[in-house]
């Protein structure tokens, strides 16, 4: 086995080992808003934290020490809508990764359309088959040598929106959801084969 000490690697070297190993990763396509500008961004440092209360995590890396628009908006308003990336919305979601100014909405480079949310003020994207309205539960700055390198957000789900076509007997049908996950580089993955293993008692 090859061995590496992460403290002896550059940020990019650590990045490549992590995103190449921790796969597939779910993707949160997030909407936030500030000054009536809707920001949309995809984030694959995303997962479940707790079911009671229902909390998910999203980590947003800083670039040259500067927060991304999504992080700034979240801290300003304490609200976001998370949409699950799927085969129907992946192309437009990928477009939202473009580097735009804070005064330009990613709606200008996609075919996404919006709808009002129920419990938060941030608009949602109609095209997603699963979305969560969330509020900020906790913000945890990630630091290295006294400077912040990332913002970890714990977000509490206040409302679920599930497309009725994928909802069966109280559960989401994974084949009908057709979620898309993130790999490394420019690579994505679909669900692929599904198999079951009974857990030991």
Protein backbone atom coordinates (compact mmCIF):
# COMPACT_ATOMS: atom_id res chain seq x y z
CA UNK A 1 0.00 0.00 0.00
CA UNK A 2 1.17 3.51 -0.78
CA UNK A 3 1.21 5.79 2.25
CA UNK A 4 0.79 9.57 2.40
CA UNK A 5 0.85 12.04 5.27
CA UNK A 6 -1.84 14.67 4.52
CA UNK A 7 0.16 17.35 6.34
CA UNK A 8 2.97 16.84 3.82
CA UNK A 9 0.69 17.18 0.78
CA UNK A 10 -0.53 20.30 -0.96
CA UNK A 11 -4.20 21.24 -0.86
CA UNK A 12 -4.61 20.01 -4.46
CA UNK A 13 -2.91 16.69 -3.66
CA UNK A 14 -5.23 16.12 -0.70
CA UNK A 15 -8.16 17.16 -2.87
CA UNK A 16 -7.35 14.60 -5.56
CA UNK A 17 -6.96 11.74 -3.08
CA UNK A 18 -10.21 12.59 -1.29
CA UNK A 19 -12.47 13.13 -4.29
CA UNK A 20 -11.01 10.09 -6.01
CA UNK A 21 -11.59 7.86 -2.98
CA UNK A 22 -14.84 9.04 -1.42
CA UNK A 23 -17.16 8.13 -4.26
CA UNK A 24 -19.90 8.32 -5.24
CA UNK A 25 -20.86 11.56 -3.47
CA UNK A 26 -24.41 12.95 -3.44
CA UNK A 27 -24.77 16.47 -4.78
CA UNK A 28 -26.76 19.28 -3.22
CA UNK A 29 -27.88 21.86 -5.76
CA UNK A 30 -28.48 24.82 -3.48
CA UNK A 31 -30.41 28.02 -3.92
CA UNK A 32 -29.75 30.99 -1.68
CA UNK A 33 -30.68 34.62 -2.09
CA UNK A 34 -29.32 38.06 -1.27
CA UNK A 35 -30.49 41.44 -2.55
CA UNK A 36 -33.09 39.70 -4.75
CA UNK A 37 -30.33 37.83 -6.64
CA UNK A 38 -30.93 34.07 -6.67
CA UNK A 39 -27.70 32.11 -6.39
CA UNK A 40 -27.54 28.46 -7.51
CA UNK A 41 -24.59 26.19 -6.85
CA UNK A 42 -23.78 22.44 -6.76
CA UNK A 43 -21.92 21.01 -3.76
CA UNK A 44 -20.75 17.42 -3.38
CA UNK A 45 -19.40 17.76 0.17
CA UNK A 46 -22.95 16.97 1.28
CA UNK A 47 -24.60 14.32 3.46
CA UNK A 48 -27.08 13.34 6.20
CA UNK A 49 -26.20 14.25 9.78
CA UNK A 50 -29.30 13.48 11.84
CA UNK A 51 -32.91 12.37 11.43
CA UNK A 52 -34.21 13.83 14.71
CA UNK A 53 -34.07 16.67 14.01
CA UNK A 54 -33.65 16.26 10.25
CA UNK A 55 -30.25 17.82 9.58
CA UNK A 56 -27.93 17.66 6.58
CA UNK A 57 -24.40 18.99 6.17
CA UNK A 58 -22.85 20.98 3.36
CA UNK A 59 -19.20 22.04 3.34
CA UNK A 60 -18.30 24.94 1.07
CA UNK A 61 -14.62 25.44 0.32
CA UNK A 62 -13.21 28.95 0.26
CA UNK A 63 -11.18 30.21 -2.70
CA UNK A 64 -8.13 32.28 -1.78
CA UNK A 65 -9.69 32.74 1.65
CA UNK A 66 -12.89 34.22 0.20
CA UNK A 67 -16.34 32.78 0.86
CA UNK A 68 -18.43 31.65 -2.07
CA UNK A 69 -21.72 33.43 -2.75
CA UNK A 70 -23.74 30.53 -1.30
CA UNK A 71 -21.87 30.69 2.01
CA UNK A 72 -22.21 34.46 2.27
CA UNK A 73 -25.91 34.31 1.49
CA UNK A 74 -26.51 31.52 4.00
CA UNK A 75 -24.85 33.48 6.78
CA UNK A 76 -26.79 36.61 5.85
CA UNK A 77 -30.26 35.03 5.64
CA UNK A 78 -29.96 31.65 7.46
CA UNK A 79 -31.96 30.01 4.65
CA UNK A 80 -31.35 27.73 1.66
CA UNK A 81 -33.15 25.21 -0.50
CA UNK A 82 -31.33 21.96 -1.32
CA UNK A 83 -32.26 20.10 -4.50
CA UNK A 84 -31.08 16.55 -5.21
CA UNK A 85 -29.11 16.24 -8.43
CA UNK A 86 -30.73 13.83 -10.89
CA UNK A 87 -30.47 12.78 -14.52
CA UNK A 88 -33.04 15.38 -15.61
CA UNK A 89 -31.36 18.40 -14.03
CA UNK A 90 -27.64 17.49 -14.13
CA UNK A 91 -26.79 19.47 -17.28
CA UNK A 92 -28.26 22.72 -15.96
CA UNK A 93 -26.82 22.08 -12.49
CA UNK A 94 -23.36 21.71 -14.03
CA UNK A 95 -23.79 25.11 -15.70
CA UNK A 96 -24.30 26.73 -12.30
CA UNK A 97 -20.66 25.98 -11.43
CA UNK A 98 -19.63 28.81 -13.77
CA UNK A 99 -17.77 31.70 -12.16
CA UNK A 100 -20.31 34.54 -12.19
CA UNK A 101 -20.30 37.82 -10.33
CA UNK A 102 -22.36 38.02 -7.11
CA UNK A 103 -24.81 40.32 -8.92
CA UNK A 104 -25.55 37.76 -11.66
CA UNK A 105 -27.93 34.88 -11.06
CA UNK A 106 -27.13 31.42 -12.41
CA UNK A 107 -30.65 31.48 -13.83
CA UNK A 108 -29.11 33.46 -16.70
CA UNK A 109 -27.00 30.46 -17.81
CA UNK A 110 -29.55 27.67 -17.27
CA UNK A 111 -33.08 26.67 -18.18
CA UNK A 112 -34.06 26.33 -14.52
CA UNK A 113 -37.37 27.87 -13.49
CA UNK A 114 -38.35 28.83 -9.96
CA UNK A 115 -41.25 28.36 -7.60
CA UNK A 116 -42.01 29.82 -4.19
CA UNK A 117 -41.04 27.89 -1.07
CA UNK A 118 -43.45 27.21 1.79
CA UNK A 119 -41.39 27.90 4.92
CA UNK A 120 -38.37 29.87 3.74
CA UNK A 121 -38.12 32.97 1.59
CA UNK A 122 -35.63 31.47 -0.89
CA UNK A 123 -37.19 30.33 -4.19
CA UNK A 124 -36.81 26.71 -5.28
CA UNK A 125 -36.13 25.07 -8.64
CA UNK A 126 -39.15 23.41 -10.26
CA UNK A 127 -37.04 20.89 -12.16
CA UNK A 128 -35.79 18.98 -9.10
CA UNK A 129 -37.78 15.93 -8.04
CA UNK A 130 -36.60 16.18 -4.44
CA UNK A 131 -35.91 19.36 -2.53
CA UNK A 132 -35.53 20.41 1.09
CA UNK A 133 -36.31 23.82 2.52
CA UNK A 134 -33.68 24.42 5.21
CA UNK A 135 -32.59 26.88 7.84
CA UNK A 136 -29.14 27.28 9.35
CA UNK A 137 -28.68 25.10 12.43
CA UNK A 138 -24.96 25.69 12.92
CA UNK A 139 -22.02 27.23 11.09
CA UNK A 140 -18.57 25.77 11.74
CA UNK A 141 -15.56 27.52 10.19
CA UNK A 142 -12.81 25.06 9.22
CA UNK A 143 -9.38 26.51 9.94
CA UNK A 144 -5.77 25.76 9.13
CA UNK A 145 -2.97 27.80 10.67
CA UNK A 146 -5.36 30.48 11.90
CA UNK A 147 -7.11 31.09 8.58
CA UNK A 148 -10.48 29.74 7.47
CA UNK A 149 -10.33 27.35 4.52
CA UNK A 150 -13.95 26.16 4.41
CA UNK A 151 -17.39 26.74 5.87
CA UNK A 152 -19.28 23.73 7.23
CA UNK A 153 -23.03 24.27 7.48
CA UNK A 154 -25.48 22.12 9.38
CA UNK A 155 -28.90 22.79 7.88
CA UNK A 156 -32.20 21.77 9.44
CA UNK A 157 -34.90 20.62 7.04
CA UNK A 158 -38.16 22.51 7.57
CA UNK A 159 -40.09 21.12 4.59
CA UNK A 160 -39.70 18.23 2.18
CA UNK A 161 -40.93 18.40 -1.42
CA UNK A 162 -41.06 15.01 -3.15
CA UNK A 163 -42.37 14.45 -6.67
CA UNK A 164 -45.36 12.11 -6.39
CA UNK A 165 -44.15 10.02 -9.33
CA UNK A 166 -41.12 8.79 -7.36
CA UNK A 167 -42.91 8.29 -4.02
CA UNK A 168 -44.20 4.76 -3.35
CA UNK A 169 -45.53 3.30 -0.08
CA UNK A 170 -43.86 5.93 2.07
CA UNK A 171 -40.50 5.62 0.33
CA UNK A 172 -38.61 7.14 -2.58
CA UNK A 173 -38.05 4.81 -5.52
CA UNK A 174 -34.31 5.20 -6.30
CA UNK A 175 -34.70 4.13 -9.91
CA UNK A 176 -37.38 6.73 -10.56
CA UNK A 177 -35.45 9.45 -8.72
CA UNK A 178 -32.41 8.63 -10.90
CA UNK A 179 -30.03 10.58 -8.68
CA UNK A 180 -26.64 11.53 -10.09
CA UNK A 181 -23.50 11.44 -7.97
CA UNK A 182 -20.14 13.15 -8.23
CA UNK A 183 -16.87 11.37 -8.90
CA UNK A 184 -13.51 13.02 -9.59
CA UNK A 185 -12.54 15.43 -12.37
CA UNK A 186 -15.46 16.01 -14.74
CA UNK A 187 -16.99 12.59 -14.00
CA UNK A 188 -20.48 11.87 -12.68
CA UNK A 189 -22.24 8.54 -12.04
CA UNK A 190 -25.80 7.30 -12.20
CA UNK A 191 -27.29 4.85 -9.69
CA UNK A 192 -26.31 1.70 -11.61
CA UNK A 193 -26.98 -1.77 -10.21
CA UNK A 194 -28.80 -2.02 -6.89
CA UNK A 195 -28.39 -5.05 -4.60
CA UNK A 196 -29.53 -5.87 -1.09
CA UNK A 197 -27.78 -7.42 1.91
CA UNK A 198 -29.70 -8.28 5.07
CA UNK A 199 -28.10 -6.72 8.13
CA UNK A 200 -27.12 -9.12 10.93
CA UNK A 201 -29.22 -8.94 14.08
